[in-house]
N, C-alpha and C. Protein backbone atom coordinates (compact mmCIF):
# COMPACT_ATOMS: atom_id res chain seq x y z
N MET A 1 106.74 132.14 59.47
CA MET A 1 107.13 131.47 60.89
C MET A 1 106.12 130.08 61.65
N ALA A 2 106.87 129.52 62.28
CA ALA A 2 106.39 128.29 62.94
C ALA A 2 105.28 128.80 63.68
N PRO A 3 104.11 128.08 64.06
CA PRO A 3 103.07 128.06 64.84
C PRO A 3 103.80 127.97 66.19
N ARG A 4 103.15 128.70 67.15
CA ARG A 4 103.67 128.73 68.25
C ARG A 4 102.55 128.03 69.30
N GLY A 5 103.40 127.72 70.35
CA GLY A 5 102.43 127.06 71.30
C GLY A 5 102.00 125.79 71.02
N ASN A 6 101.38 125.16 72.22
CA ASN A 6 100.48 124.00 71.88
C ASN A 6 99.10 124.24 71.14
N LYS A 7 99.00 123.68 70.06
CA LYS A 7 97.62 123.82 69.30
C LYS A 7 96.75 123.14 69.60
N GLY A 8 97.09 122.09 70.70
CA GLY A 8 95.89 121.27 71.14
C GLY A 8 95.76 120.08 70.36
N HIS A 9 94.99 118.91 71.03
CA HIS A 9 95.15 117.58 70.46
C HIS A 9 93.68 117.96 69.76
N PHE A 10 92.30 118.45 70.12
CA PHE A 10 90.96 118.18 69.70
C PHE A 10 90.89 119.41 68.62
N HIS A 11 90.25 119.31 67.72
CA HIS A 11 89.89 120.31 66.62
C HIS A 11 88.55 119.98 66.06
N GLY A 12 87.99 120.98 65.15
CA GLY A 12 86.59 120.83 64.47
C GLY A 12 85.83 120.33 65.46
N GLU A 13 84.92 119.45 64.83
CA GLU A 13 83.62 119.11 65.88
C GLU A 13 83.87 118.52 67.30
N PRO A 14 85.23 117.45 67.43
CA PRO A 14 85.33 117.12 68.56
C PRO A 14 85.50 118.06 69.53
N LEU A 15 86.28 119.27 69.01
CA LEU A 15 86.72 120.53 69.86
C LEU A 15 85.24 121.02 70.32
N SER A 16 84.07 121.34 69.51
CA SER A 16 82.87 122.16 69.85
C SER A 16 82.23 121.44 70.54
N PHE A 17 82.13 119.75 70.57
CA PHE A 17 81.43 119.28 71.37
C PHE A 17 82.01 119.14 72.57
N LEU A 18 83.10 119.31 73.12
CA LEU A 18 83.98 119.72 74.14
C LEU A 18 83.50 121.03 74.75
N ASN A 19 83.54 122.00 74.04
CA ASN A 19 83.26 123.56 74.28
C ASN A 19 82.01 123.46 74.74
N ASP A 20 81.17 122.48 73.86
CA ASP A 20 79.44 122.42 74.13
C ASP A 20 79.48 121.96 75.81
N SER A 21 80.26 121.24 76.24
CA SER A 21 79.98 120.50 77.75
C SER A 21 80.85 121.57 78.82
N LEU A 22 81.68 122.10 78.29
CA LEU A 22 82.57 122.95 79.44
C LEU A 22 81.57 123.55 80.49
N PRO A 23 80.67 124.41 80.14
CA PRO A 23 79.68 125.17 81.18
C PRO A 23 79.14 124.46 82.18
N LEU A 24 78.70 123.04 81.89
CA LEU A 24 78.31 122.15 83.17
C LEU A 24 79.32 121.71 83.70
N TYR A 25 80.61 121.36 83.18
CA TYR A 25 81.72 120.95 83.75
C TYR A 25 82.35 122.18 85.04
N LEU A 26 82.25 123.28 84.39
CA LEU A 26 82.53 124.30 85.45
C LEU A 26 81.58 124.61 86.38
N SER A 27 80.31 124.39 86.33
CA SER A 27 79.38 124.63 86.99
C SER A 27 79.19 123.81 88.24
N THR A 28 79.73 122.75 87.85
CA THR A 28 79.81 121.42 88.61
C THR A 28 80.66 121.44 89.81
N ALA A 29 80.36 121.10 91.31
CA ALA A 29 81.03 121.28 92.29
C ALA A 29 82.56 120.21 92.14
N PRO A 30 83.56 120.26 92.69
CA PRO A 30 84.52 119.56 92.75
C PRO A 30 84.14 118.25 93.43
N ASN A 31 83.25 118.21 94.08
CA ASN A 31 83.00 116.73 94.69
C ASN A 31 81.65 115.97 93.97
N LYS A 32 81.51 116.66 93.17
CA LYS A 32 80.32 115.93 92.42
C LYS A 32 80.65 115.58 90.98
N LYS A 33 81.95 116.05 90.66
CA LYS A 33 82.45 115.70 89.30
C LYS A 33 82.35 114.21 88.67
N GLU A 34 82.05 113.36 89.34
CA GLU A 34 81.58 112.16 89.01
C GLU A 34 80.43 111.95 88.16
N VAL A 35 79.43 112.48 88.69
CA VAL A 35 77.94 112.90 88.05
C VAL A 35 78.26 113.13 86.77
N PHE A 36 79.25 114.53 86.44
CA PHE A 36 79.56 115.02 85.61
C PHE A 36 80.12 114.00 84.45
N TRP A 37 81.01 113.16 84.68
CA TRP A 37 81.72 112.38 83.92
C TRP A 37 80.71 110.98 83.50
N SER A 38 79.66 110.80 84.34
CA SER A 38 79.08 109.62 84.48
C SER A 38 78.01 110.15 82.95
N LYS A 39 77.95 111.46 82.82
CA LYS A 39 76.58 111.92 81.68
C LYS A 39 77.94 111.99 80.12
N PHE A 40 79.01 112.85 80.61
CA PHE A 40 80.01 112.94 79.62
C PHE A 40 80.16 111.76 78.79
N PHE A 41 80.95 110.78 79.24
CA PHE A 41 81.63 109.78 78.85
C PHE A 41 80.77 108.87 77.79
N PRO A 42 79.68 108.52 78.33
CA PRO A 42 78.54 107.82 77.24
C PRO A 42 78.35 108.74 76.09
N GLU A 43 77.95 109.99 76.24
CA GLU A 43 77.68 110.75 74.97
C GLU A 43 78.96 110.82 74.16
N TRP A 44 80.35 110.99 74.84
CA TRP A 44 81.18 110.99 73.96
C TRP A 44 81.42 109.85 73.23
N ASP A 45 81.11 108.68 73.78
CA ASP A 45 81.60 107.34 73.14
C ASP A 45 80.57 106.91 72.02
N GLU A 46 79.57 107.61 72.21
CA GLU A 46 78.37 107.58 71.58
C GLU A 46 78.59 108.20 70.16
N LYS A 47 79.32 109.58 70.26
CA LYS A 47 79.28 110.17 69.01
C LYS A 47 80.72 109.60 68.42
N TYR A 48 82.02 109.68 69.36
CA TYR A 48 83.20 109.00 68.92
C TYR A 48 83.66 107.45 69.39
N PRO A 49 83.38 106.61 68.76
CA PRO A 49 83.54 105.25 69.44
C PRO A 49 84.94 105.15 69.20
N LYS A 50 85.54 104.13 70.39
CA LYS A 50 87.01 103.76 70.17
C LYS A 50 87.36 102.83 69.19
N LEU A 51 88.52 103.22 68.74
CA LEU A 51 89.08 102.71 67.74
C LEU A 51 89.07 101.17 68.20
N ASP A 52 88.39 100.27 67.24
CA ASP A 52 88.29 99.03 67.60
C ASP A 52 89.21 98.09 66.35
N SER A 53 89.90 98.58 65.86
CA SER A 53 90.63 97.70 64.91
C SER A 53 91.89 98.02 64.72
N GLU A 54 92.93 97.66 64.04
CA GLU A 54 94.27 97.64 63.68
C GLU A 54 94.33 98.71 62.67
N GLU A 55 93.69 98.32 61.86
CA GLU A 55 93.47 99.14 60.50
C GLU A 55 92.89 100.37 60.70
N LEU A 56 92.15 100.85 61.66
CA LEU A 56 92.04 102.56 62.16
C LEU A 56 93.18 103.04 62.79
N GLU A 57 93.68 102.11 63.49
CA GLU A 57 94.87 102.62 64.38
C GLU A 57 96.21 102.78 63.37
N GLU A 58 96.09 102.26 62.53
CA GLU A 58 97.19 102.48 61.23
C GLU A 58 96.86 103.53 60.59
N GLU A 59 95.53 103.74 60.17
CA GLU A 59 95.03 104.91 59.51
C GLU A 59 95.16 106.62 60.15
N LEU A 60 95.20 106.41 61.62
CA LEU A 60 95.47 107.36 62.48
C LEU A 60 96.86 107.67 62.17
N LYS A 61 97.91 106.93 62.42
CA LYS A 61 99.42 107.01 62.49
C LYS A 61 99.57 107.38 60.90
N GLU A 62 98.83 106.95 60.03
CA GLU A 62 99.20 107.58 58.53
C GLU A 62 98.66 109.03 58.29
N GLU A 63 97.45 109.16 58.69
CA GLU A 63 97.11 110.69 58.64
C GLU A 63 97.86 111.90 59.79
N GLU A 64 98.74 111.45 60.84
CA GLU A 64 99.54 112.08 61.52
C GLU A 64 100.40 112.34 60.94
N ARG A 65 101.16 111.18 59.94
CA ARG A 65 102.55 111.34 59.44
C ARG A 65 102.13 112.48 58.55
N LEU A 66 101.22 112.33 57.55
CA LEU A 66 100.98 113.19 56.17
C LEU A 66 100.72 114.66 56.98
N HIS A 67 99.90 115.00 57.87
CA HIS A 67 99.50 116.13 58.20
C HIS A 67 101.29 116.76 58.93
N LYS A 68 101.94 116.15 59.47
CA LYS A 68 103.32 116.58 60.05
C LYS A 68 104.17 116.77 58.83
N ALA A 69 104.05 115.94 58.01
CA ALA A 69 104.74 116.12 56.59
C ALA A 69 104.31 117.55 56.09
N GLU A 70 103.19 117.70 55.64
CA GLU A 70 102.70 118.88 55.18
C GLU A 70 102.90 120.28 55.94
N THR A 71 102.83 120.05 57.30
CA THR A 71 103.29 121.05 58.47
C THR A 71 104.67 121.48 58.18
N GLU A 72 105.40 120.29 57.89
CA GLU A 72 107.13 120.64 57.85
C GLU A 72 107.49 121.11 56.39
N ARG A 73 106.77 121.02 55.48
CA ARG A 73 106.87 121.44 54.33
C ARG A 73 106.65 122.85 54.02
N VAL A 74 105.70 123.33 54.40
CA VAL A 74 105.03 124.78 54.66
C VAL A 74 106.05 125.52 55.74
N LYS A 75 106.28 124.88 56.96
CA LYS A 75 107.41 125.55 57.55
C LYS A 75 108.73 125.84 56.96
N ALA A 76 109.48 125.05 55.97
CA ALA A 76 110.69 124.94 55.23
C ALA A 76 110.23 126.29 54.20
N ALA A 77 109.28 126.14 53.47
CA ALA A 77 108.76 126.98 52.49
C ALA A 77 108.59 128.61 53.23
N ASN A 78 108.24 128.61 54.26
CA ASN A 78 107.97 130.01 54.92
C ASN A 78 109.36 130.65 55.17
N GLN A 79 110.49 129.86 55.97
CA GLN A 79 111.81 130.30 56.23
C GLN A 79 112.41 130.37 55.19
N GLU A 80 112.45 129.62 54.20
CA GLU A 80 113.08 130.11 52.90
C GLU A 80 112.66 131.57 52.17
N GLU A 81 111.26 131.74 52.27
CA GLU A 81 110.58 133.27 51.81
C GLU A 81 110.85 134.00 52.64
N ALA A 82 111.09 133.80 53.94
CA ALA A 82 111.62 134.81 55.04
C ALA A 82 113.24 135.34 54.66
N LYS A 83 113.83 134.36 54.37
CA LYS A 83 115.36 134.65 54.28
C LYS A 83 115.54 135.20 52.93
N VAL A 84 114.97 135.08 51.89
CA VAL A 84 115.26 135.60 50.55
C VAL A 84 114.69 137.10 50.36
N ARG A 85 113.33 137.37 51.12
CA ARG A 85 112.66 138.51 51.08
C ARG A 85 112.41 139.36 52.34
N GLY A 86 113.12 138.95 53.41
CA GLY A 86 113.00 139.65 54.57
C GLY A 86 111.87 139.24 55.69
N ARG A 87 111.69 139.33 56.72
CA ARG A 87 110.53 139.05 57.52
C ARG A 87 109.33 139.86 57.09
N ARG A 88 109.65 141.10 57.01
CA ARG A 88 108.61 142.23 56.52
C ARG A 88 107.88 141.89 55.42
N LYS A 89 108.63 141.70 54.48
CA LYS A 89 108.08 141.54 53.03
C LYS A 89 107.67 140.11 52.85
N ALA A 90 108.31 139.08 53.52
CA ALA A 90 107.82 137.75 53.32
C ALA A 90 106.15 137.73 53.05
N VAL A 91 105.81 136.63 51.92
CA VAL A 91 104.52 136.26 52.04
C VAL A 91 104.23 134.59 52.13
N LEU A 92 104.03 134.50 53.55
CA LEU A 92 103.94 133.50 54.18
C LEU A 92 102.83 132.72 54.01
N GLN A 93 103.01 130.95 53.65
CA GLN A 93 101.69 130.23 53.81
C GLN A 93 101.17 129.68 54.88
N PRO A 94 99.81 129.90 54.94
CA PRO A 94 99.22 129.24 56.21
C PRO A 94 99.33 127.72 56.42
N TYR A 95 99.52 127.69 57.55
CA TYR A 95 100.07 126.37 57.99
C TYR A 95 98.58 125.54 57.95
N PRO A 96 98.67 124.15 57.53
CA PRO A 96 97.58 123.53 57.09
C PRO A 96 96.92 122.92 58.55
N ALA A 97 95.33 122.95 58.06
CA ALA A 97 94.51 122.60 59.15
C ALA A 97 94.20 121.27 59.33
N THR A 98 94.12 120.50 60.48
CA THR A 98 93.80 119.15 60.40
C THR A 98 92.57 118.73 59.68
N SER A 99 92.67 117.78 58.77
CA SER A 99 91.25 117.29 58.30
C SER A 99 90.14 116.60 59.23
N ALA A 100 89.22 116.58 58.71
CA ALA A 100 87.80 116.49 59.42
C ALA A 100 87.83 114.80 59.71
N TRP A 101 88.51 113.79 59.39
CA TRP A 101 88.68 112.79 59.37
C TRP A 101 89.89 112.69 60.63
N LEU A 102 90.74 113.18 60.54
CA LEU A 102 91.98 113.17 61.54
C LEU A 102 91.15 113.76 62.95
N ASN A 103 90.73 114.57 62.85
CA ASN A 103 90.08 115.21 63.97
C ASN A 103 89.29 114.24 64.78
N GLU A 104 88.22 113.50 63.77
CA GLU A 104 87.55 112.18 64.30
C GLU A 104 88.35 110.93 64.60
N LEU A 105 89.43 110.63 64.16
CA LEU A 105 90.47 109.60 64.56
C LEU A 105 90.92 110.14 65.91
N ARG A 106 91.46 111.29 65.91
CA ARG A 106 92.00 111.64 67.13
C ARG A 106 91.08 111.71 68.80
N ALA A 107 89.84 112.04 68.25
CA ALA A 107 88.81 112.16 69.46
C ALA A 107 88.83 110.44 69.46
N ARG A 108 88.46 109.52 68.75
CA ARG A 108 88.10 108.24 69.10
C ARG A 108 89.26 107.64 69.65
N ALA A 109 90.65 108.14 69.59
CA ALA A 109 91.76 107.35 69.99
C ALA A 109 91.85 108.22 71.52
N ALA A 110 91.39 109.07 72.15
CA ALA A 110 91.79 109.77 73.22
C ALA A 110 91.21 109.17 74.05
N ASP A 111 91.81 108.83 75.57
CA ASP A 111 91.22 108.01 76.63
C ASP A 111 90.92 108.88 77.56
N SER A 112 90.13 108.50 78.66
CA SER A 112 89.70 109.44 79.46
C SER A 112 90.65 110.45 79.95
N THR A 113 91.94 110.09 80.58
CA THR A 113 92.84 110.61 81.04
C THR A 113 93.06 112.05 80.06
N LYS A 114 93.08 111.63 78.51
CA LYS A 114 93.16 113.01 77.75
C LYS A 114 92.04 113.95 77.97
N LEU A 115 90.92 113.24 78.15
CA LEU A 115 89.85 113.99 78.07
C LEU A 115 89.72 115.08 79.34
N LYS A 116 89.78 114.05 80.55
CA LYS A 116 90.06 115.22 81.53
C LYS A 116 91.16 116.22 81.91
N GLY A 117 92.08 115.91 81.23
CA GLY A 117 93.32 116.73 81.04
C GLY A 117 92.78 118.06 80.29
N TRP A 118 91.78 117.78 79.58
CA TRP A 118 91.18 118.83 78.38
C TRP A 118 90.47 119.81 79.35
N PHE A 119 89.75 119.17 80.17
CA PHE A 119 88.83 120.19 80.95
C PHE A 119 89.52 120.69 81.79
N SER A 120 90.58 120.24 82.63
CA SER A 120 91.22 120.59 83.68
C SER A 120 91.83 121.74 83.04
N ASN A 121 92.53 121.89 82.03
CA ASN A 121 93.40 122.98 81.47
C ASN A 121 92.12 124.17 80.66
N ALA A 122 91.02 123.80 80.40
CA ALA A 122 90.12 124.84 80.12
C ALA A 122 89.52 125.40 81.04
N LYS A 123 89.39 124.90 82.41
CA LYS A 123 89.27 125.35 83.52
C LYS A 123 90.28 126.45 83.80
N THR A 124 91.49 126.37 84.09
CA THR A 124 92.79 126.95 84.22
C THR A 124 92.58 128.37 83.22
N LYS A 125 92.02 128.10 82.17
CA LYS A 125 92.12 129.38 81.19
C LYS A 125 90.95 130.14 81.41
N ASP A 126 89.74 129.53 81.92
CA ASP A 126 88.63 130.35 82.20
C ASP A 126 88.90 131.10 83.71
N LYS A 127 89.77 130.65 84.42
CA LYS A 127 89.92 131.55 86.02
C LYS A 127 90.98 132.62 85.39
N THR A 128 91.95 132.22 84.19
CA THR A 128 92.70 133.24 83.86
C THR A 128 91.64 134.55 82.95
N ARG A 129 91.11 134.22 82.14
CA ARG A 129 90.40 134.95 81.66
C ARG A 129 89.28 135.84 82.55
N LYS A 130 88.89 135.33 83.71
CA LYS A 130 88.20 136.07 84.64
C LYS A 130 89.15 137.20 85.74
N VAL A 131 90.31 136.91 85.70
CA VAL A 131 91.30 137.54 86.46
C VAL A 131 91.91 138.96 85.57
N GLU A 132 92.00 138.63 84.48
CA GLU A 132 92.48 139.82 83.31
C GLU A 132 91.96 141.01 83.24
N PRO A 133 90.44 141.20 83.24
CA PRO A 133 89.99 142.24 83.71
C PRO A 133 90.59 142.95 85.04
N PHE A 134 90.78 142.52 86.23
CA PHE A 134 90.87 142.88 87.08
C PHE A 134 92.64 143.58 87.15
N ARG A 135 93.16 142.76 86.33
CA ARG A 135 94.75 142.92 86.19
C ARG A 135 94.65 144.42 85.51
N ALA A 136 93.97 144.47 84.38
CA ALA A 136 94.17 145.61 83.51
C ALA A 136 93.24 147.10 84.44
N TRP A 137 92.67 146.96 85.07
CA TRP A 137 91.88 147.76 86.02
C TRP A 137 93.00 148.21 87.02
N LEU A 138 93.97 147.05 87.48
CA LEU A 138 94.94 147.51 88.32
C LEU A 138 96.20 148.20 87.63
N ALA A 139 96.51 147.73 86.34
CA ALA A 139 97.52 148.49 85.74
C ALA A 139 97.02 149.92 85.38
N GLY A 140 95.70 150.23 85.21
CA GLY A 140 95.51 151.55 84.88
C GLY A 140 95.66 152.08 86.07
N LEU A 141 95.44 151.86 87.38
CA LEU A 141 95.76 152.89 88.80
C LEU A 141 97.17 152.84 88.67
N THR A 142 97.82 151.97 88.53
CA THR A 142 99.39 152.19 88.58
C THR A 142 100.15 152.69 87.39
N ALA A 143 99.63 152.84 86.42
CA ALA A 143 100.31 153.10 85.40
C ALA A 143 100.27 154.94 85.38
N LEU A 144 101.79 155.27 84.74
CA LEU A 144 102.02 156.96 84.86
C LEU A 144 101.35 157.17 83.75
N ARG A 145 100.56 158.19 83.74
CA ARG A 145 100.08 159.16 82.53
C ARG A 145 100.69 160.34 82.39
N GLY A 146 101.25 160.92 81.57
CA GLY A 146 101.80 161.84 81.23
C GLY A 146 103.01 162.67 82.03
N ALA A 147 103.50 163.86 82.21
CA ALA A 147 104.79 164.05 82.83
C ALA A 147 104.43 163.98 84.11
N PRO A 148 105.58 163.44 85.21
CA PRO A 148 105.58 163.51 86.38
C PRO A 148 105.09 164.90 87.11
N ARG A 149 104.10 164.97 87.99
CA ARG A 149 103.59 166.32 88.63
C ARG A 149 103.98 166.27 90.41
N HIS A 150 104.60 167.47 90.85
CA HIS A 150 104.81 167.78 91.77
C HIS A 150 103.59 167.61 92.87
N MET A 151 103.70 166.77 93.83
CA MET A 151 102.96 166.46 94.69
C MET A 151 102.92 167.31 96.01
N GLN A 152 101.48 168.37 95.90
CA GLN A 152 101.48 169.05 97.24
C GLN A 152 101.14 168.26 98.45
N MET A 153 102.21 167.64 99.02
CA MET A 153 101.88 166.69 100.00
C MET A 153 100.50 167.01 101.38
N PRO A 154 101.14 168.40 101.83
CA PRO A 154 100.27 168.85 102.88
C PRO A 154 98.63 168.92 102.32
N TRP A 155 98.54 169.18 101.29
CA TRP A 155 97.08 169.44 100.95
C TRP A 155 96.43 168.07 100.86
N MET A 156 97.16 166.91 100.97
CA MET A 156 96.59 165.37 100.93
C MET A 156 96.68 164.97 102.74
N LEU A 157 97.85 165.26 103.42
CA LEU A 157 97.93 164.84 104.40
C LEU A 157 97.23 165.38 105.77
N TRP A 158 97.09 166.52 105.59
CA TRP A 158 96.30 167.26 106.79
C TRP A 158 95.07 167.11 106.95
N GLN A 159 94.21 166.08 105.71
CA GLN A 159 93.15 165.79 106.03
C GLN A 159 92.71 164.48 106.76
N HIS A 160 94.36 163.87 106.86
CA HIS A 160 94.36 162.76 107.36
C HIS A 160 93.89 162.56 109.15
N PRO A 161 93.21 161.90 109.38
CA PRO A 161 92.44 161.97 110.88
C PRO A 161 93.33 161.68 112.05
N ALA A 162 94.82 161.09 111.69
CA ALA A 162 95.77 160.86 112.95
C ALA A 162 96.71 161.92 112.80
N HIS A 163 97.25 162.60 111.66
CA HIS A 163 98.21 163.06 111.52
C HIS A 163 97.93 164.28 111.10
N GLY A 164 96.65 164.63 110.66
CA GLY A 164 96.39 165.89 110.23
C GLY A 164 96.56 167.24 111.22
N GLU A 165 96.02 167.11 112.42
CA GLU A 165 96.37 168.16 113.46
C GLU A 165 97.85 168.44 113.86
N VAL A 166 98.75 167.48 113.48
CA VAL A 166 100.23 167.66 113.93
C VAL A 166 100.61 168.70 112.54
N LEU A 167 100.04 168.19 111.36
CA LEU A 167 100.61 169.31 109.90
C LEU A 167 100.23 170.33 110.16
N ARG A 168 98.83 170.90 110.30
CA ARG A 168 98.38 171.71 110.59
C ARG A 168 98.95 172.74 111.45
N SER A 169 99.62 172.20 112.61
CA SER A 169 100.06 172.82 113.73
C SER A 169 101.81 173.18 113.23
N ARG A 170 102.27 172.30 112.43
CA ARG A 170 103.61 172.66 111.86
C ARG A 170 103.57 173.84 110.92
N TYR A 171 102.20 173.87 110.13
CA TYR A 171 102.14 174.94 108.95
C TYR A 171 101.79 175.88 109.70
N ARG A 172 101.18 176.15 110.82
CA ARG A 172 101.01 177.33 111.43
C ARG A 172 102.27 178.18 112.24
N LYS A 173 103.19 176.72 112.54
CA LYS A 173 104.57 177.60 113.05
C LYS A 173 105.58 177.88 112.03
N THR A 174 105.30 177.30 110.74
CA THR A 174 106.23 177.62 109.76
C THR A 174 105.71 179.38 109.19
N PHE A 175 104.29 179.20 108.73
CA PHE A 175 103.80 180.13 107.74
C PHE A 175 103.28 181.46 108.80
N GLY A 176 102.97 181.12 109.77
CA GLY A 176 102.12 182.19 110.67
C GLY A 176 100.60 182.47 110.52
N LYS A 177 100.24 181.41 109.71
CA LYS A 177 98.83 181.19 109.35
C LYS A 177 98.18 179.65 109.19
N ASP A 178 97.06 179.98 108.99
CA ASP A 178 96.07 178.73 108.84
C ASP A 178 96.16 178.18 107.81
N ALA A 179 96.27 177.13 107.07
CA ALA A 179 96.16 176.76 105.83
C ALA A 179 94.91 176.36 105.46
N ASP A 180 94.15 176.29 106.47
CA ASP A 180 92.56 176.07 105.68
C ASP A 180 91.91 177.54 105.48
N ASP A 181 92.37 178.69 106.10
CA ASP A 181 92.12 179.91 105.64
C ASP A 181 92.62 180.74 104.33
N GLU A 182 93.55 180.17 104.00
CA GLU A 182 94.18 180.25 102.26
C GLU A 182 93.19 180.27 101.37
N GLU A 183 93.47 181.20 100.43
CA GLU A 183 92.75 180.91 98.90
C GLU A 183 93.48 180.05 98.16
N ASP A 184 94.80 180.07 98.15
CA ASP A 184 95.91 179.66 97.47
C ASP A 184 97.28 179.72 98.06
N ASP A 185 97.88 179.22 97.42
CA ASP A 185 99.54 179.14 98.16
C ASP A 185 100.67 179.79 97.06
N VAL A 186 99.88 180.71 96.44
CA VAL A 186 100.54 181.43 95.40
C VAL A 186 101.95 182.27 95.92
N ASP A 187 101.47 183.37 96.99
CA ASP A 187 102.11 184.07 97.75
C ASP A 187 102.61 183.97 98.92
N GLY A 188 103.96 184.37 99.40
CA GLY A 188 104.53 184.30 100.75
C GLY A 188 103.93 185.12 101.87
N LEU A 189 104.62 185.22 102.97
CA LEU A 189 104.18 186.36 104.00
C LEU A 189 104.43 187.53 103.22
N ASP A 190 105.67 187.37 102.49
CA ASP A 190 106.16 188.90 102.08
C ASP A 190 105.85 189.20 100.88
N GLY A 191 104.98 188.41 100.14
CA GLY A 191 104.55 188.68 98.64
C GLY A 191 105.43 187.87 97.52
N SER A 192 106.04 187.01 98.37
CA SER A 192 107.14 186.52 97.48
C SER A 192 106.71 184.95 97.24
N PRO A 193 107.19 184.49 95.76
CA PRO A 193 106.79 183.19 95.73
C PRO A 193 106.90 182.09 96.76
N THR A 194 105.63 181.24 97.08
CA THR A 194 106.06 180.36 98.10
C THR A 194 106.73 179.47 97.68
N ALA A 195 107.84 179.04 98.40
CA ALA A 195 108.66 177.69 98.15
C ALA A 195 107.72 176.53 98.73
N PRO A 196 108.17 175.36 97.67
CA PRO A 196 107.16 174.01 98.40
C PRO A 196 107.47 173.63 99.92
N TRP A 197 106.61 173.45 100.60
CA TRP A 197 106.78 173.36 101.74
C TRP A 197 106.92 171.84 102.13
N ASN A 198 107.96 171.43 102.75
CA ASN A 198 108.14 169.95 103.29
C ASN A 198 107.82 169.93 104.77
N PRO A 199 106.64 168.94 105.06
CA PRO A 199 106.49 168.70 106.44
C PRO A 199 107.28 168.11 107.20
N LEU A 200 108.14 167.27 106.57
CA LEU A 200 108.84 166.46 107.17
C LEU A 200 109.99 167.03 108.00
């Protein structure tokens, strides 16, 4: 199967460099980002100096072409394999990783807009990761577990500070006894099973 989603522009050592700088970026206040950039860009340019010749630019294009061609070759082979043997039994080839040289050329060709875009996207992903635990907790509260159960509403509602006394009064009027004095609600007044009581 073809790789899904945007795999990103940066890989290998350049990506590691960016990830190492990310905590400082996230901890820098929005109105102080220029302080971060004034430190980051010189360090990046020192490690990955800009492409300064047409020869290197052409080499980048050639490396990109070769990588794309290999990716398309693997994609076609995997599609044929899946067609012949079926999706479940197909033995698929892994897609090629970018070479260290291509990673470096990409880093050297990246302008400030692309680099700032990477940090902005990383910040969004960081926020999403922080929200996920809350979403999981909320889903646990709202998820149904097991068979549905009949809820004995009176036993919940008559403890309500605003409505409790009204419900107690209705209960006494309906059954002739105070619910607080009941051990259980198995038997009715005549010894027969008590039907579910609807206070509404």
